[in-house]
């Protein structure tokens, strides 16, 4: 029987959908990507793995995603960071082990700045820090930048779903949450996974993050020909192994 989705009301008035399974610590938290939801292959796979070993686990939808309130177009990196902090602060006690996929990798790094004392380890999958600036803004034509000013958004095609509508707010708020421009300390072990056939996040991004952070125990695993989804059998096995290694150290 599938567990029913529960909802959390945040201080900002947003309604966040989540599934939380208590168990032994640390709590593994799945942080999804842009426009993805907590029903994705990686989130469900990790939840099943956590349940099987009695590990505490949380997955949730950011506002404007999945079953949570709001629309995607209204949201921004800062809102989704607030959603993550609210879910963790309200629903979980003790140490956490964030697993961030794509934009969720950026969210995990923001958690490292907001609550480093609670994080015992971190795993990232095709982490996409600062993508609003280095991906979207950098690649916009002058016409697109003008359209962002006049219309308030531009539409971008996606390899993985319908076009993204990228708002002026998403770009401007992203600049307030950049993590690759200043010191970024990760005082816990980090395991990063990246596919070489990823068309959304480049291997260069993964190497830039590895080079930028201050971390005594960080490893980057490159997987030849894996794409951005990183959700076939071998890739799921790598995610599971990375999270298990980190969880078993606590």
C-alpha atoms as a PDB file:
ATOM      1  CA  UNK A   1       0.000   0.000   0.000  1.00  0.00           C
ATOM      2  CA  UNK A   2       1.364   3.405  -0.979  1.00  0.00           C
ATOM      3  CA  UNK A   3       1.787   5.896   1.847  1.00  0.00           C
ATOM      4  CA  UNK A   4      -0.360   9.006   1.531  1.00  0.00           C
ATOM      5  CA  UNK A   5       1.283  12.319   0.744  1.00  0.00           C
ATOM      6  CA  UNK A   6       1.412  14.652   3.720  1.00  0.00           C
ATOM      7  CA  UNK A   7       1.632  18.436   3.643  1.00  0.00           C
ATOM      8  CA  UNK A   8       3.592  21.037   5.541  1.00  0.00           C
ATOM      9  CA  UNK A   9       2.522  24.689   5.777  1.00  0.00           C
ATOM     10  CA  UNK A  10       5.581  26.952   5.751  1.00  0.00           C
ATOM     11  CA  UNK A  11       6.028  30.379   7.331  1.00  0.00           C
ATOM     12  CA  UNK A  12       5.917  31.852   3.831  1.00  0.00           C
ATOM     13  CA  UNK A  13       2.410  30.415   3.332  1.00  0.00           C
ATOM     14  CA  UNK A  14       3.450  27.658   0.943  1.00  0.00           C
ATOM     15  CA  UNK A  15       2.078  24.111   1.156  1.00  0.00           C
ATOM     16  CA  UNK A  16       4.847  21.541   0.727  1.00  0.00           C
ATOM     17  CA  UNK A  17       4.008  17.937  -0.167  1.00  0.00           C
ATOM     18  CA  UNK A  18       6.236  15.288   1.385  1.00  0.00           C
ATOM     19  CA  UNK A  19       6.793  11.656   2.331  1.00  0.00           C
ATOM     20  CA  UNK A  20       8.753  11.062   5.531  1.00  0.00           C
ATOM     21  CA  UNK A  21       9.708   7.641   6.857  1.00  0.00           C
ATOM     22  CA  UNK A  22      11.247   7.521  10.324  1.00  0.00           C
ATOM     23  CA  UNK A  23      14.126   5.155  10.958  1.00  0.00           C
ATOM     24  CA  UNK A  24      17.697   5.107  12.144  1.00  0.00           C
ATOM     25  CA  UNK A  25      19.796   8.166  11.448  1.00  0.00           C
ATOM     26  CA  UNK A  26      20.999  10.054   9.614  1.00  0.00           C
ATOM     27  CA  UNK A  27      17.913  11.037   7.643  1.00  0.00           C
ATOM     28  CA  UNK A  28      18.574  10.713   3.914  1.00  0.00           C
ATOM     29  CA  UNK A  29      16.916  13.663   2.138  1.00  0.00           C
ATOM     30  CA  UNK A  30      16.317  13.604  -1.601  1.00  0.00           C
ATOM     31  CA  UNK A  31      16.502  17.062  -3.214  1.00  0.00           C
ATOM     32  CA  UNK A  32      15.092  16.939  -6.727  1.00  0.00           C
ATOM     33  CA  UNK A  33      15.960  18.902  -9.818  1.00  0.00           C
ATOM     34  CA  UNK A  34      14.317  21.814 -11.581  1.00  0.00           C
ATOM     35  CA  UNK A  35      10.753  20.933 -12.627  1.00  0.00           C
ATOM     36  CA  UNK A  36      11.116  17.371 -11.384  1.00  0.00           C
ATOM     37  CA  UNK A  37       9.157  15.973  -8.454  1.00  0.00           C
ATOM     38  CA  UNK A  38       9.446  13.511  -5.580  1.00  0.00           C
ATOM     39  CA  UNK A  39       7.917  10.699  -7.684  1.00  0.00           C
ATOM     40  CA  UNK A  40      11.013  10.465  -9.897  1.00  0.00           C
ATOM     41  CA  UNK A  41      12.956   7.232 -10.381  1.00  0.00           C
ATOM     42  CA  UNK A  42      15.913   8.233  -8.192  1.00  0.00           C
ATOM     43  CA  UNK A  43      13.762   9.456  -5.291  1.00  0.00           C
ATOM     44  CA  UNK A  44      11.584   6.323  -5.269  1.00  0.00           C
ATOM     45  CA  UNK A  45      14.579   4.011  -5.619  1.00  0.00           C
ATOM     46  CA  UNK A  46      16.392   5.633  -2.704  1.00  0.00           C
ATOM     47  CA  UNK A  47      13.264   5.525  -0.583  1.00  0.00           C
ATOM     48  CA  UNK A  48      12.895   1.770  -1.171  1.00  0.00           C
ATOM     49  CA  UNK A  49      16.577   1.292  -0.312  1.00  0.00           C
ATOM     50  CA  UNK A  50      16.187   3.330   2.898  1.00  0.00           C
ATOM     51  CA  UNK A  51      13.045   1.452   3.965  1.00  0.00           C
ATOM     52  CA  UNK A  52      14.737  -1.899   3.388  1.00  0.00           C
ATOM     53  CA  UNK A  53      17.538  -1.016   5.813  1.00  0.00           C
ATOM     54  CA  UNK A  54      15.428   0.934   8.306  1.00  0.00           C
ATOM     55  CA  UNK A  55      17.051   4.258   7.394  1.00  0.00           C
ATOM     56  CA  UNK A  56      15.138   7.491   7.982  1.00  0.00           C
ATOM     57  CA  UNK A  57      14.185   9.126   4.651  1.00  0.00           C
ATOM     58  CA  UNK A  58      12.499  12.289   3.387  1.00  0.00           C
ATOM     59  CA  UNK A  59      11.431  13.297  -0.107  1.00  0.00           C
ATOM     60  CA  UNK A  60       9.355  16.388  -0.890  1.00  0.00           C
ATOM     61  CA  UNK A  61       8.216  18.701  -3.658  1.00  0.00           C
ATOM     62  CA  UNK A  62       9.446  22.289  -3.755  1.00  0.00           C
ATOM     63  CA  UNK A  63       6.690  24.866  -4.172  1.00  0.00           C
ATOM     64  CA  UNK A  64       5.561  25.023  -7.796  1.00  0.00           C
ATOM     65  CA  UNK A  65       6.617  21.389  -8.255  1.00  0.00           C
ATOM     66  CA  UNK A  66       4.642  18.146  -8.031  1.00  0.00           C
ATOM     67  CA  UNK A  67       1.873  18.198  -5.420  1.00  0.00           C
ATOM     68  CA  UNK A  68       3.042  21.331  -3.598  1.00  0.00           C
ATOM     69  CA  UNK A  69       1.273  24.680  -3.879  1.00  0.00           C
ATOM     70  CA  UNK A  70       2.135  27.419  -6.363  1.00  0.00           C
ATOM     71  CA  UNK A  71       3.258  27.431  -9.976  1.00  0.00           C
ATOM     72  CA  UNK A  72       6.771  26.783 -11.277  1.00  0.00           C
ATOM     73  CA  UNK A  73       6.902  30.196 -12.966  1.00  0.00           C
ATOM     74  CA  UNK A  74       6.404  31.984  -9.628  1.00  0.00           C
ATOM     75  CA  UNK A  75       9.301  30.228  -7.921  1.00  0.00           C
ATOM     76  CA  UNK A  76      13.043  30.797  -7.597  1.00  0.00           C
ATOM     77  CA  UNK A  77      16.145  29.296  -6.010  1.00  0.00           C
ATOM     78  CA  UNK A  78      15.620  31.223  -2.760  1.00  0.00           C
ATOM     79  CA  UNK A  79      12.009  30.045  -2.411  1.00  0.00           C
ATOM     80  CA  UNK A  80      13.036  26.430  -2.897  1.00  0.00           C
ATOM     81  CA  UNK A  81      15.839  26.869  -0.372  1.00  0.00           C
ATOM     82  CA  UNK A  82      13.278  28.168   2.127  1.00  0.00           C
ATOM     83  CA  UNK A  83      11.094  25.127   1.367  1.00  0.00           C
ATOM     84  CA  UNK A  84      14.051  22.791   1.997  1.00  0.00           C
ATOM     85  CA  UNK A  85      14.982  24.491   5.273  1.00  0.00           C
ATOM     86  CA  UNK A  86      11.340  24.430   6.429  1.00  0.00           C
ATOM     87  CA  UNK A  87      10.944  20.718   5.683  1.00  0.00           C
ATOM     88  CA  UNK A  88      14.188  19.789   7.436  1.00  0.00           C
ATOM     89  CA  UNK A  89      13.715  22.087  10.444  1.00  0.00           C
ATOM     90  CA  UNK A  90      10.111  21.020  11.010  1.00  0.00           C
ATOM     91  CA  UNK A  91      10.099  17.329  10.137  1.00  0.00           C
ATOM     92  CA  UNK A  92      13.554  16.028  11.068  1.00  0.00           C
ATOM     93  CA  UNK A  93      15.676  15.881  14.193  1.00  0.00           C
ATOM     94  CA  UNK A  94      19.341  15.004  14.236  1.00  0.00           C
ATOM     95  CA  UNK A  95      21.877  14.593  11.443  1.00  0.00           C
ATOM     96  CA  UNK A  96      20.918  14.745   7.768  1.00  0.00           C
ATOM     97  CA  UNK A  97      22.420  13.329   4.592  1.00  0.00           C
ATOM     98  CA  UNK A  98      21.243  15.397   1.604  1.00  0.00           C
ATOM     99  CA  UNK A  99      21.235  13.777  -1.839  1.00  0.00           C
ATOM    100  CA  UNK A 100      20.935  16.544  -4.431  1.00  0.00           C
ATOM    101  CA  UNK A 101      20.115  15.906  -8.067  1.00  0.00           C
ATOM    102  CA  UNK A 102      20.860  18.659 -10.616  1.00  0.00           C
ATOM    103  CA  UNK A 103      19.310  21.853  -9.164  1.00  0.00           C
ATOM    104  CA  UNK A 104      18.957  19.803  -5.961  1.00  0.00           C
ATOM    105  CA  UNK A 105      22.756  19.733  -5.855  1.00  0.00           C
ATOM    106  CA  UNK A 106      22.721  23.535  -5.657  1.00  0.00           C
ATOM    107  CA  UNK A 107      20.077  23.265  -2.938  1.00  0.00           C
ATOM    108  CA  UNK A 108      22.270  20.812  -1.017  1.00  0.00           C
ATOM    109  CA  UNK A 109      25.182  23.277  -1.201  1.00  0.00           C
ATOM    110  CA  UNK A 110      22.908  26.062   0.087  1.00  0.00           C
ATOM    111  CA  UNK A 111      22.002  23.802   3.023  1.00  0.00           C
ATOM    112  CA  UNK A 112      25.738  23.404   3.681  1.00  0.00           C
ATOM    113  CA  UNK A 113      25.894  27.178   4.150  1.00  0.00           C
ATOM    114  CA  UNK A 114      22.656  27.378   6.169  1.00  0.00           C
ATOM    115  CA  UNK A 115      23.035  24.393   8.520  1.00  0.00           C
ATOM    116  CA  UNK A 116      26.485  22.777   8.195  1.00  0.00           C
ATOM    117  CA  UNK A 117      26.299  21.457  11.753  1.00  0.00           C
ATOM    118  CA  UNK A 118      23.427  19.140  10.817  1.00  0.00           C
ATOM    119  CA  UNK A 119      24.982  17.610   7.711  1.00  0.00           C
ATOM    120  CA  UNK A 120      27.004  14.408   8.215  1.00  0.00           C
ATOM    121  CA  UNK A 121      27.635  13.790   4.510  1.00  0.00           C
ATOM    122  CA  UNK A 122      26.376  14.796   1.074  1.00  0.00           C
ATOM    123  CA  UNK A 123      25.863  13.098  -2.266  1.00  0.00           C
ATOM    124  CA  UNK A 124      25.259  14.982  -5.515  1.00  0.00           C
ATOM    125  CA  UNK A 125      24.118  13.730  -8.904  1.00  0.00           C
ATOM    126  CA  UNK A 126      24.881  16.043 -11.847  1.00  0.00           C
ATOM    127  CA  UNK A 127      24.971  18.971  -9.421  1.00  0.00           C
ATOM    128  CA  UNK A 128      24.065  22.265 -11.103  1.00  0.00           C
ATOM    129  CA  UNK A 129      25.238  25.107  -8.841  1.00  0.00           C
ATOM    130  CA  UNK A 130      24.788  28.644 -10.185  1.00  0.00           C
ATOM    131  CA  UNK A 131      23.105  27.402 -13.399  1.00  0.00           C
ATOM    132  CA  UNK A 132      20.748  30.399 -13.583  1.00  0.00           C
ATOM    133  CA  UNK A 133      23.799  32.602 -14.139  1.00  0.00           C
ATOM    134  CA  UNK A 134      26.371  30.327 -15.784  1.00  0.00           C
ATOM    135  CA  UNK A 135      23.892  28.322 -17.833  1.00  0.00           C
ATOM    136  CA  UNK A 136      20.877  30.489 -18.651  1.00  0.00           C
ATOM    137  CA  UNK A 137      22.094  34.101 -18.423  1.00  0.00           C
ATOM    138  CA  UNK A 138      25.472  33.352 -20.013  1.00  0.00           C
ATOM    139  CA  UNK A 139      23.823  31.671 -23.000  1.00  0.00           C
ATOM    140  CA  UNK A 140      21.027  34.221 -23.535  1.00  0.00           C
ATOM    141  CA  UNK A 141      21.226  36.287 -26.697  1.00  0.00           C
ATOM    142  CA  UNK A 142      20.792  40.055 -26.470  1.00  0.00           C
ATOM    143  CA  UNK A 143      17.260  39.510 -27.808  1.00  0.00           C
ATOM    144  CA  UNK A 144      16.490  37.027 -25.028  1.00  0.00           C
ATOM    145  CA  UNK A 145      17.864  39.395 -22.385  1.00  0.00           C
ATOM    146  CA  UNK A 146      15.637  42.142 -23.785  1.00  0.00           C
ATOM    147  CA  UNK A 147      12.648  39.772 -23.778  1.00  0.00           C
ATOM    148  CA  UNK A 148      13.351  38.915 -20.134  1.00  0.00           C
ATOM    149  CA  UNK A 149      13.130  42.647 -19.326  1.00  0.00           C
ATOM    150  CA  UNK A 150       9.964  43.340 -21.344  1.00  0.00           C
ATOM    151  CA  UNK A 151       7.949  40.125 -20.926  1.00  0.00           C
ATOM    152  CA  UNK A 152       9.410  39.043 -17.618  1.00  0.00           C
ATOM    153  CA  UNK A 153      10.350  35.594 -18.938  1.00  0.00           C
ATOM    154  CA  UNK A 154      11.864  33.649 -21.823  1.00  0.00           C
ATOM    155  CA  UNK A 155      10.965  30.144 -22.968  1.00  0.00           C
ATOM    156  CA  UNK A 156      13.771  27.621 -23.422  1.00  0.00           C
ATOM    157  CA  UNK A 157      13.534  24.193 -25.041  1.00  0.00           C
ATOM    158  CA  UNK A 158      14.454  21.189 -22.879  1.00  0.00           C
ATOM    159  CA  UNK A 159      15.887  17.825 -23.889  1.00  0.00           C
ATOM    160  CA  UNK A 160      13.832  16.190 -21.158  1.00  0.00           C
ATOM    161  CA  UNK A 161      10.358  17.829 -21.023  1.00  0.00           C
ATOM    162  CA  UNK A 162       8.231  20.716 -22.298  1.00  0.00           C
ATOM    163  CA  UNK A 163       9.939  24.132 -22.647  1.00  0.00           C
ATOM    164  CA  UNK A 164      11.069  25.870 -19.475  1.00  0.00           C
ATOM    165  CA  UNK A 165       9.652  29.308 -18.849  1.00  0.00           C
ATOM    166  CA  UNK A 166      12.566  31.121 -17.218  1.00  0.00           C
ATOM    167  CA  UNK A 167      11.460  34.188 -15.266  1.00  0.00           C
ATOM    168  CA  UNK A 168      13.313  37.395 -14.592  1.00  0.00           C
ATOM    169  CA  UNK A 169      12.835  36.643 -10.885  1.00  0.00           C
ATOM    170  CA  UNK A 170      14.543  33.245 -11.227  1.00  0.00           C
ATOM    171  CA  UNK A 171      17.596  34.887 -12.809  1.00  0.00           C
ATOM    172  CA  UNK A 172      17.779  37.817 -10.373  1.00  0.00           C
ATOM    173  CA  UNK A 173      17.166  35.711  -7.258  1.00  0.00           C
ATOM    174  CA  UNK A 174      19.726  33.184  -8.484  1.00  0.00           C
ATOM    175  CA  UNK A 175      22.368  35.895  -8.223  1.00  0.00           C
ATOM    176  CA  UNK A 176      21.629  36.197  -4.504  1.00  0.00           C
ATOM    177  CA  UNK A 177      22.324  32.485  -4.006  1.00  0.00           C
ATOM    178  CA  UNK A 178      25.445  31.812  -6.081  1.00  0.00           C
ATOM    179  CA  UNK A 179      27.832  29.367  -4.358  1.00  0.00           C
ATOM    180  CA  UNK A 180      30.813  29.251  -6.746  1.00  0.00           C
ATOM    181  CA  UNK A 181      31.798  32.929  -6.344  1.00  0.00           C
ATOM    182  CA  UNK A 182      32.896  32.901  -2.729  1.00  0.00           C
ATOM    183  CA  UNK A 183      34.331  30.455  -0.169  1.00  0.00           C
ATOM    184  CA  UNK A 184      32.314  27.245   0.179  1.00  0.00           C
ATOM    185  CA  UNK A 185      33.289  24.960   3.042  1.00  0.00           C
ATOM    186  CA  UNK A 186      31.932  21.416   3.121  1.00  0.00           C
ATOM    187  CA  UNK A 187      33.082  20.069   6.494  1.00  0.00           C
ATOM    188  CA  UNK A 188      31.821  16.525   5.850  1.00  0.00           C
ATOM    189  CA  UNK A 189      32.441  13.805   3.237  1.00  0.00           C
ATOM    190  CA  UNK A 190      30.997  14.465  -0.228  1.00  0.00           C
ATOM    191  CA  UNK A 191      30.389  12.005  -3.077  1.00  0.00           C
ATOM    192  CA  UNK A 192      29.607  13.528  -6.479  1.00  0.00           C
ATOM    193  CA  UNK A 193      28.371  11.589  -9.509  1.00  0.00           C
ATOM    194  CA  UNK A 194      28.356  12.918 -13.077  1.00  0.00           C
ATOM    195  CA  UNK A 195      27.590  11.414 -16.490  1.00  0.00           C
ATOM    196  CA  UNK A 196      29.806  12.336 -19.435  1.00  0.00           C
ATOM    197  CA  UNK A 197      26.853  12.369 -21.882  1.00  0.00           C
ATOM    198  CA  UNK A 198      24.889  14.869 -19.784  1.00  0.00           C
ATOM    199  CA  UNK A 199      23.607  17.670 -22.051  1.00  0.00           C
ATOM    200  CA  UNK A 200      22.163  19.735 -19.165  1.00  0.00           C
ATOM    201  CA  UNK A 201      25.157  19.814 -16.789  1.00  0.00           C
ATOM    202  CA  UNK A 202      28.685  19.544 -18.148  1.00  0.00           C
ATOM    203  CA  UNK A 203      31.607  17.578 -16.786  1.00  0.00           C
ATOM    204  CA  UNK A 204      33.342  20.987 -16.549  1.00  0.00           C
ATOM    205  CA  UNK A 205      30.726  22.066 -13.986  1.00  0.00           C
ATOM    206  CA  UNK A 206      31.459  18.990 -11.865  1.00  0.00           C
ATOM    207  CA  UNK A 207      35.204  19.647 -12.023  1.00  0.00           C
ATOM    208  CA  UNK A 208      34.704  23.333 -11.221  1.00  0.00           C
ATOM    209  CA  UNK A 209      32.739  22.436  -8.087  1.00  0.00           C
ATOM    210  CA  UNK A 210      35.380  19.887  -7.041  1.00  0.00           C
ATOM    211  CA  UNK A 211      38.101  22.495  -7.468  1.00  0.00           C
ATOM    212  CA  UNK A 212      36.180  25.313  -5.774  1.00  0.00           C
ATOM    213  CA  UNK A 213      35.062  23.847  -2.451  1.00  0.00           C
ATOM    214  CA  UNK A 214      37.056  23.375   0.715  1.00  0.00           C
ATOM    215  CA  UNK A 215      36.532  19.734   1.667  1.00  0.00           C
ATOM    216  CA  UNK A 216      38.863  17.135   3.199  1.00  0.00           C
ATOM    217  CA  UNK A 217      37.012  14.153   1.712  1.00  0.00           C
ATOM    218  CA  UNK A 218      35.357  14.782  -1.648  1.00  0.00           C
ATOM    219  CA  UNK A 219      35.272  12.364  -4.561  1.00  0.00           C
ATOM    220  CA  UNK A 220      33.915  12.843  -8.059  1.00  0.00           C
ATOM    221  CA  UNK A 221      32.884   9.790 -10.085  1.00  0.00           C
ATOM    222  CA  UNK A 222      32.518  10.298 -13.841  1.00  0.00           C
ATOM    223  CA  UNK A 223      30.341   7.751 -15.622  1.00  0.00           C
ATOM    224  CA  UNK A 224      31.021   7.369 -19.333  1.00  0.00           C
ATOM    225  CA  UNK A 225      27.948   7.867 -21.549  1.00  0.00           C
ATOM    226  CA  UNK A 226      25.512   8.399 -18.638  1.00  0.00           C
ATOM    227  CA  UNK A 227      23.028  11.212 -19.343  1.00  0.00           C
ATOM    228  CA  UNK A 228      21.396  13.795 -17.095  1.00  0.00           C
ATOM    229  CA  UNK A 229      18.674  11.441 -15.883  1.00  0.00           C
ATOM    230  CA  UNK A 230      21.332   9.181 -14.321  1.00  0.00           C
ATOM    231  CA  UNK A 231      18.590   6.686 -13.501  1.00  0.00           C
ATOM    232  CA  UNK A 232      19.314   3.422 -15.309  1.00  0.00           C
ATOM    233  CA  UNK A 233      20.184   0.341 -13.241  1.00  0.00           C
ATOM    234  CA  UNK A 234      23.961   0.868 -12.991  1.00  0.00           C
ATOM    235  CA  UNK A 235      23.547   4.563 -12.188  1.00  0.00           C
ATOM    236  CA  UNK A 236      20.990   3.850  -9.448  1.00  0.00           C
ATOM    237  CA  UNK A 237      23.446   1.310  -8.041  1.00  0.00           C
ATOM    238  CA  UNK A 238      26.174   3.967  -7.904  1.00  0.00           C
ATOM    239  CA  UNK A 239      23.843   6.415  -6.110  1.00  0.00           C
ATOM    240  CA  UNK A 240      22.859   3.740  -3.606  1.00  0.00           C
ATOM    241  CA  UNK A 241      26.489   2.770  -2.951  1.00  0.00           C
ATOM    242  CA  UNK A 242      27.526   6.411  -2.423  1.00  0.00           C
ATOM    243  CA  UNK A 243      24.694   7.089   0.019  1.00  0.00           C
ATOM    244  CA  UNK A 244      25.263   3.811   1.855  1.00  0.00           C
ATOM    245  CA  UNK A 245      28.963   4.556   2.285  1.00  0.00           C
ATOM    246  CA  UNK A 246      28.182   7.976   3.749  1.00  0.00           C
ATOM    247  CA  UNK A 247      25.362   6.723   5.988  1.00  0.00           C
ATOM    248  CA  UNK A 248      27.434   3.823   7.350  1.00  0.00           C
ATOM    249  CA  UNK A 249      30.175   6.197   8.513  1.00  0.00           C
ATOM    250  CA  UNK A 250      27.892   7.900  11.022  1.00  0.00           C
END
